[in-house]
Amino acid sequence: MPKSDLSQPLDLRGAFCPMAFVKTKIHLDSLSSGDTTSIIYEDIPSNEPLVRSIQSLGHKIISKTAFEPTSPAPPAGIKTESQTNSYVQLTLLKIEVNR
């Protein structure tokens, strides 16, 4: 059972692997086992290893939702007004931290 649900996602728009993974790892390391969190990132080729890297640390991907930054109804709690290129698809990952 999750200890907490962190409602504000880690926003990785503009960050690319390996830096996106470094920021994700720092974020996940600050949480306790059983916590859930979300991250949002740009779905581009350089970020392709991000999900695998998170899983290789032992964390569980609960859900993966892709959406366009200009879509009328992004996932709850996601603000899309940024300097992100509007043609780049975004992905929201919900993660359960496991230690």
Protein backbone atom coordinates (compact mmCIF):
# COMPACT_ATOMS: atom_id res chain seq x y z
CA MET A 1 0.00 0.00 0.00
CA PRO A 2 1.48 3.39 -1.01
CA LYS A 3 2.60 5.60 1.86
CA SER A 4 1.88 8.82 0.02
CA ASP A 5 0.76 10.10 -3.35
CA LEU A 6 2.79 13.10 -4.47
CA SER A 7 0.34 15.08 -6.58
CA GLN A 8 2.85 17.45 -8.23
CA PRO A 9 4.69 15.58 -11.01
CA LEU A 10 8.39 16.02 -11.68
CA ASP A 11 8.44 18.09 -14.87
CA LEU A 12 11.24 16.96 -17.17
CA ARG A 13 10.18 18.95 -20.21
CA GLY A 14 13.34 20.29 -21.79
CA ALA A 15 15.54 17.63 -20.12
CA PHE A 16 17.02 14.83 -22.19
CA CYS A 17 18.70 11.59 -21.19
CA PRO A 18 21.06 11.13 -19.55
CA MET A 19 20.16 14.31 -17.58
CA ALA A 20 16.45 13.39 -17.50
CA PHE A 21 17.39 10.11 -15.84
CA VAL A 22 19.75 11.82 -13.37
CA LYS A 23 16.96 14.20 -12.30
CA THR A 24 14.52 11.29 -12.06
CA LYS A 25 16.92 9.23 -9.94
CA ILE A 26 17.51 12.14 -7.54
CA HIS A 27 13.75 12.61 -7.25
CA LEU A 28 13.08 8.90 -6.65
CA ASP A 29 15.94 8.65 -4.14
CA SER A 30 14.25 11.36 -2.05
CA LEU A 31 11.11 9.22 -1.64
CA SER A 32 10.32 6.27 0.59
CA SER A 33 9.54 2.77 -0.54
CA GLY A 34 5.83 2.50 -1.33
CA ASP A 35 5.45 6.17 -2.27
CA THR A 36 3.94 6.99 -5.65
CA THR A 37 5.00 9.86 -7.83
CA SER A 38 4.63 11.03 -11.40
CA ILE A 39 7.00 12.42 -13.96
CA ILE A 40 6.27 14.11 -17.25
CA TYR A 41 8.79 14.03 -20.08
CA GLU A 42 9.08 14.65 -23.81
CA ASP A 43 8.64 11.44 -25.79
CA ILE A 44 11.66 11.78 -28.08
CA PRO A 45 14.33 9.26 -29.14
CA SER A 46 16.93 10.48 -26.62
CA ASN A 47 14.47 9.82 -23.75
CA GLU A 48 13.61 6.30 -24.97
CA PRO A 49 15.73 4.56 -22.27
CA LEU A 50 14.09 6.47 -19.39
CA VAL A 51 11.38 3.90 -18.56
CA ARG A 52 13.83 0.98 -18.76
CA SER A 53 16.28 2.84 -16.53
CA ILE A 54 13.61 3.51 -13.90
CA GLN A 55 12.59 -0.15 -13.95
CA SER A 56 16.23 -1.28 -13.71
CA LEU A 57 16.39 0.52 -10.34
CA GLY A 58 13.55 -1.73 -9.14
CA HIS A 59 10.72 0.81 -9.31
CA LYS A 60 7.31 -0.13 -10.71
CA ILE A 61 5.68 1.77 -13.58
CA ILE A 62 2.00 1.96 -12.59
CA SER A 63 0.84 3.75 -15.73
CA LYS A 64 2.17 5.44 -18.84
CA THR A 65 -0.03 8.02 -20.55
CA ALA A 66 0.93 9.84 -23.74
CA PHE A 67 -0.68 13.13 -24.69
CA GLU A 68 -0.16 16.16 -26.89
CA PRO A 69 0.77 19.36 -25.04
CA THR A 70 -1.98 21.23 -26.90
CA SER A 71 -4.71 18.65 -26.22
CA PRO A 72 -7.81 20.12 -24.58
CA ALA A 73 -7.68 17.76 -21.58
CA PRO A 74 -4.22 16.70 -20.40
CA PRO A 75 -4.03 14.38 -17.40
CA ALA A 76 -5.15 15.98 -14.13
CA GLY A 77 -2.63 18.30 -12.53
CA ILE A 78 -0.54 18.81 -15.66
CA LYS A 79 -0.01 22.34 -16.87
CA THR A 80 0.94 22.49 -20.54
CA GLU A 81 1.89 26.14 -20.83
CA SER A 82 5.64 25.94 -21.29
CA GLN A 83 8.27 26.60 -23.88
CA THR A 84 8.00 23.01 -25.08
CA ASN A 85 7.64 22.60 -28.83
CA SER A 86 3.92 21.94 -29.30
CA TYR A 87 4.69 19.15 -31.78
CA VAL A 88 6.47 16.99 -29.21
CA GLN A 89 4.33 14.32 -27.56
CA LEU A 90 4.52 14.25 -23.78
CA THR A 91 4.35 11.19 -21.55
CA LEU A 92 3.15 11.02 -17.97
CA LEU A 93 4.55 8.15 -15.90
CA LYS A 94 3.11 7.14 -12.56
CA ILE A 95 5.72 5.31 -10.53
CA GLU A 96 5.69 3.28 -7.32
CA VAL A 97 8.99 3.58 -5.48
CA ASN A 98 10.54 0.27 -4.44
CA ARG A 99 13.73 -0.09 -2.43
